[in-house]
Amino acid sequence: MNSRKLEEILIDLKQQIAKLGMPIPGSIQTVYLRCGKKNCRCHQSDGQRHGPYYLWYRRKNGKLTTQSIAEEDLQSYRIWISNREELEGVVQKMIDLGADYASNFKSTPGKSKISLPSMRGK
């Protein structure tokens, strides 16, 4: 792939990222729970549990964190999670493109594309 085509693809991928809204990590689970009252209907059958409740699960500092979210906020959270999934997809395309380019990279003999400072004497 020539460098002009590569640059066009990179510009397109960057534009896709720029169009995305807020990304957040994690997932949403819908749960139905039993309460602590022994005589409550929720203990009679599984179909009588309380809910639905919506929980946002994510990792924070290596630990699983759960936060309940209101039903009226559910759509916003789903959009934000979708934005993160789309962002990860676009970034992966950029990484794959870069890896393909680097594996086929041929520099001009005697001419370095990147000049690095010398570390001697420091």
C-alpha atoms as a PDB file:
ATOM      1  CA  MET A   1       0.000   0.000   0.000  1.00  0.00           C
ATOM      2  CA  ASN A   2       1.424   3.371  -0.916  1.00  0.00           C
ATOM      3  CA  SER A   3       1.843   6.125   1.662  1.00  0.00           C
ATOM      4  CA  ARG A   4      -0.889   8.318   0.138  1.00  0.00           C
ATOM      5  CA  LYS A   5      -3.498   5.534   0.468  1.00  0.00           C
ATOM      6  CA  LEU A   6      -2.276   4.801   3.994  1.00  0.00           C
ATOM      7  CA  GLU A   7      -2.664   8.451   4.954  1.00  0.00           C
ATOM      8  CA  GLU A   8      -6.211   8.533   3.521  1.00  0.00           C
ATOM      9  CA  ILE A   9      -7.198   5.486   5.548  1.00  0.00           C
ATOM     10  CA  LEU A  10      -5.659   6.948   8.715  1.00  0.00           C
ATOM     11  CA  ILE A  11      -7.509  10.235   8.216  1.00  0.00           C
ATOM     12  CA  ASP A  12     -10.777   8.343   7.776  1.00  0.00           C
ATOM     13  CA  LEU A  13     -10.168   6.321  10.964  1.00  0.00           C
ATOM     14  CA  LYS A  14      -9.312   9.476  12.918  1.00  0.00           C
ATOM     15  CA  GLN A  15     -12.521  11.110  11.694  1.00  0.00           C
ATOM     16  CA  GLN A  16     -14.500   8.083  12.883  1.00  0.00           C
ATOM     17  CA  ILE A  17     -12.979   8.504  16.347  1.00  0.00           C
ATOM     18  CA  ALA A  18     -13.714  12.246  16.368  1.00  0.00           C
ATOM     19  CA  LYS A  19     -17.417  11.569  15.691  1.00  0.00           C
ATOM     20  CA  LEU A  20     -17.820   9.261  18.668  1.00  0.00           C
ATOM     21  CA  GLY A  21     -19.450  10.428  21.869  1.00  0.00           C
ATOM     22  CA  MET A  22     -18.459   9.617  25.440  1.00  0.00           C
ATOM     23  CA  PRO A  23     -17.039   6.087  25.823  1.00  0.00           C
ATOM     24  CA  ILE A  24     -17.292   4.155  29.100  1.00  0.00           C
ATOM     25  CA  PRO A  25     -16.027   0.713  30.099  1.00  0.00           C
ATOM     26  CA  GLY A  26     -18.097  -2.186  31.298  1.00  0.00           C
ATOM     27  CA  SER A  27     -21.454  -3.782  30.689  1.00  0.00           C
ATOM     28  CA  ILE A  28     -25.035  -3.552  31.919  1.00  0.00           C
ATOM     29  CA  GLN A  29     -26.880  -6.431  33.519  1.00  0.00           C
ATOM     30  CA  THR A  30     -30.584  -6.654  34.263  1.00  0.00           C
ATOM     31  CA  VAL A  31     -31.322  -8.429  37.538  1.00  0.00           C
ATOM     32  CA  TYR A  32     -34.379  -9.541  39.514  1.00  0.00           C
ATOM     33  CA  LEU A  33     -33.795  -9.979  43.248  1.00  0.00           C
ATOM     34  CA  ARG A  34     -35.284 -11.468  46.391  1.00  0.00           C
ATOM     35  CA  CYS A  35     -35.688  -9.201  49.388  1.00  0.00           C
ATOM     36  CA  GLY A  36     -35.043 -10.071  53.030  1.00  0.00           C
ATOM     37  CA  LYS A  37     -38.685 -10.492  54.025  1.00  0.00           C
ATOM     38  CA  LYS A  38     -39.487 -14.216  54.363  1.00  0.00           C
ATOM     39  CA  ASN A  39     -43.227 -13.759  53.702  1.00  0.00           C
ATOM     40  CA  CYS A  40     -42.761 -11.639  50.557  1.00  0.00           C
ATOM     41  CA  ARG A  41     -43.987 -12.894  47.191  1.00  0.00           C
ATOM     42  CA  CYS A  42     -40.401 -12.952  45.868  1.00  0.00           C
ATOM     43  CA  HIS A  43     -39.691 -16.065  47.972  1.00  0.00           C
ATOM     44  CA  GLN A  44     -42.667 -17.981  46.549  1.00  0.00           C
ATOM     45  CA  SER A  45     -41.370 -18.328  42.974  1.00  0.00           C
ATOM     46  CA  ASP A  46     -38.622 -17.055  40.704  1.00  0.00           C
ATOM     47  CA  GLY A  47     -41.199 -15.247  38.564  1.00  0.00           C
ATOM     48  CA  GLN A  48     -42.173 -13.055  41.509  1.00  0.00           C
ATOM     49  CA  ARG A  49     -38.778 -11.476  42.210  1.00  0.00           C
ATOM     50  CA  HIS A  50     -38.363  -7.722  42.526  1.00  0.00           C
ATOM     51  CA  GLY A  51     -37.055  -5.754  39.581  1.00  0.00           C
ATOM     52  CA  PRO A  52     -35.897  -5.233  37.003  1.00  0.00           C
ATOM     53  CA  TYR A  53     -32.843  -3.474  38.383  1.00  0.00           C
ATOM     54  CA  TYR A  54     -30.066  -2.318  36.089  1.00  0.00           C
ATOM     55  CA  LEU A  55     -26.437  -2.697  37.151  1.00  0.00           C
ATOM     56  CA  TRP A  56     -23.370  -1.253  35.445  1.00  0.00           C
ATOM     57  CA  TYR A  57     -20.347  -3.520  35.902  1.00  0.00           C
ATOM     58  CA  ARG A  58     -16.802  -2.365  35.208  1.00  0.00           C
ATOM     59  CA  ARG A  59     -13.250  -2.822  36.429  1.00  0.00           C
ATOM     60  CA  LYS A  60     -11.765   0.041  38.400  1.00  0.00           C
ATOM     61  CA  ASN A  61      -8.165  -0.256  39.609  1.00  0.00           C
ATOM     62  CA  GLY A  62      -8.314  -3.989  38.912  1.00  0.00           C
ATOM     63  CA  LYS A  63     -11.439  -4.572  40.989  1.00  0.00           C
ATOM     64  CA  LEU A  64     -14.949  -5.271  39.764  1.00  0.00           C
ATOM     65  CA  THR A  65     -17.227  -2.351  40.592  1.00  0.00           C
ATOM     66  CA  THR A  66     -21.014  -2.337  40.381  1.00  0.00           C
ATOM     67  CA  GLN A  67     -23.267   0.682  40.252  1.00  0.00           C
ATOM     68  CA  SER A  68     -27.040   0.679  39.948  1.00  0.00           C
ATOM     69  CA  ILE A  69     -28.498   2.910  37.257  1.00  0.00           C
ATOM     70  CA  ALA A  70     -31.999   4.294  36.920  1.00  0.00           C
ATOM     71  CA  GLU A  71     -34.194   2.998  34.120  1.00  0.00           C
ATOM     72  CA  GLU A  72     -34.427   6.488  32.614  1.00  0.00           C
ATOM     73  CA  ASP A  73     -30.605   6.573  32.329  1.00  0.00           C
ATOM     74  CA  LEU A  74     -30.317   3.114  30.788  1.00  0.00           C
ATOM     75  CA  GLN A  75     -30.280   4.277  27.151  1.00  0.00           C
ATOM     76  CA  SER A  76     -27.469   6.775  27.817  1.00  0.00           C
ATOM     77  CA  TYR A  77     -25.307   4.080  29.402  1.00  0.00           C
ATOM     78  CA  ARG A  78     -25.961   1.719  26.489  1.00  0.00           C
ATOM     79  CA  ILE A  79     -24.908   4.416  24.012  1.00  0.00           C
ATOM     80  CA  TRP A  80     -21.732   5.163  25.999  1.00  0.00           C
ATOM     81  CA  ILE A  81     -20.812   1.469  26.134  1.00  0.00           C
ATOM     82  CA  SER A  82     -21.500   1.170  22.403  1.00  0.00           C
ATOM     83  CA  ASN A  83     -19.206   4.186  21.814  1.00  0.00           C
ATOM     84  CA  ARG A  84     -16.419   2.393  23.690  1.00  0.00           C
ATOM     85  CA  GLU A  85     -16.908  -0.783  21.656  1.00  0.00           C
ATOM     86  CA  GLU A  86     -16.805   1.218  18.428  1.00  0.00           C
ATOM     87  CA  LEU A  87     -13.707   3.119  19.606  1.00  0.00           C
ATOM     88  CA  GLU A  88     -11.922  -0.149  20.369  1.00  0.00           C
ATOM     89  CA  GLY A  89     -12.819  -1.440  16.898  1.00  0.00           C
ATOM     90  CA  VAL A  90     -11.445   1.638  15.140  1.00  0.00           C
ATOM     91  CA  VAL A  91      -8.257   1.617  17.227  1.00  0.00           C
ATOM     92  CA  GLN A  92      -7.756  -2.075  16.392  1.00  0.00           C
ATOM     93  CA  LYS A  93      -8.089  -1.239  12.673  1.00  0.00           C
ATOM     94  CA  MET A  94      -5.405   1.453  13.096  1.00  0.00           C
ATOM     95  CA  ILE A  95      -3.103  -1.002  14.875  1.00  0.00           C
ATOM     96  CA  ASP A  96      -3.634  -3.673  12.199  1.00  0.00           C
ATOM     97  CA  LEU A  97      -2.994  -1.120   9.448  1.00  0.00           C
ATOM     98  CA  GLY A  98       0.210   0.005  11.140  1.00  0.00           C
ATOM     99  CA  ALA A  99       1.403  -3.567  11.611  1.00  0.00           C
ATOM    100  CA  ASP A 100       0.748  -4.371   7.932  1.00  0.00           C
ATOM    101  CA  TYR A 101       2.592  -1.240   6.862  1.00  0.00           C
ATOM    102  CA  ALA A 102       5.550  -1.906   9.172  1.00  0.00           C
ATOM    103  CA  SER A 103       5.879  -5.535   8.050  1.00  0.00           C
ATOM    104  CA  ASN A 104       6.210  -4.381   4.424  1.00  0.00           C
ATOM    105  CA  PHE A 105       8.301  -1.298   5.189  1.00  0.00           C
ATOM    106  CA  LYS A 106      11.436  -0.869   3.083  1.00  0.00           C
ATOM    107  CA  SER A 107      13.706   2.058   3.785  1.00  0.00           C
ATOM    108  CA  THR A 108      15.909   3.655   1.180  1.00  0.00           C
ATOM    109  CA  PRO A 109      19.448   2.240   1.503  1.00  0.00           C
ATOM    110  CA  GLY A 110      21.768   4.670   3.252  1.00  0.00           C
ATOM    111  CA  LYS A 111      18.888   6.951   4.220  1.00  0.00           C
ATOM    112  CA  SER A 112      17.241   6.667   7.593  1.00  0.00           C
ATOM    113  CA  LYS A 113      13.578   7.641   7.889  1.00  0.00           C
ATOM    114  CA  ILE A 114      13.915   8.434  11.594  1.00  0.00           C
ATOM    115  CA  SER A 115      16.907  10.066  13.206  1.00  0.00           C
ATOM    116  CA  LEU A 116      17.410   9.228  16.852  1.00  0.00           C
ATOM    117  CA  PRO A 117      19.713  11.278  19.076  1.00  0.00           C
ATOM    118  CA  SER A 118      22.950   9.626  20.076  1.00  0.00           C
ATOM    119  CA  MET A 119      23.081   8.415  23.654  1.00  0.00           C
ATOM    120  CA  ARG A 120      26.911   8.338  23.812  1.00  0.00           C
ATOM    121  CA  GLY A 121      28.611  10.385  26.456  1.00  0.00           C
ATOM    122  CA  LYS A 122      25.434  10.972  28.444  1.00  0.00           C
END
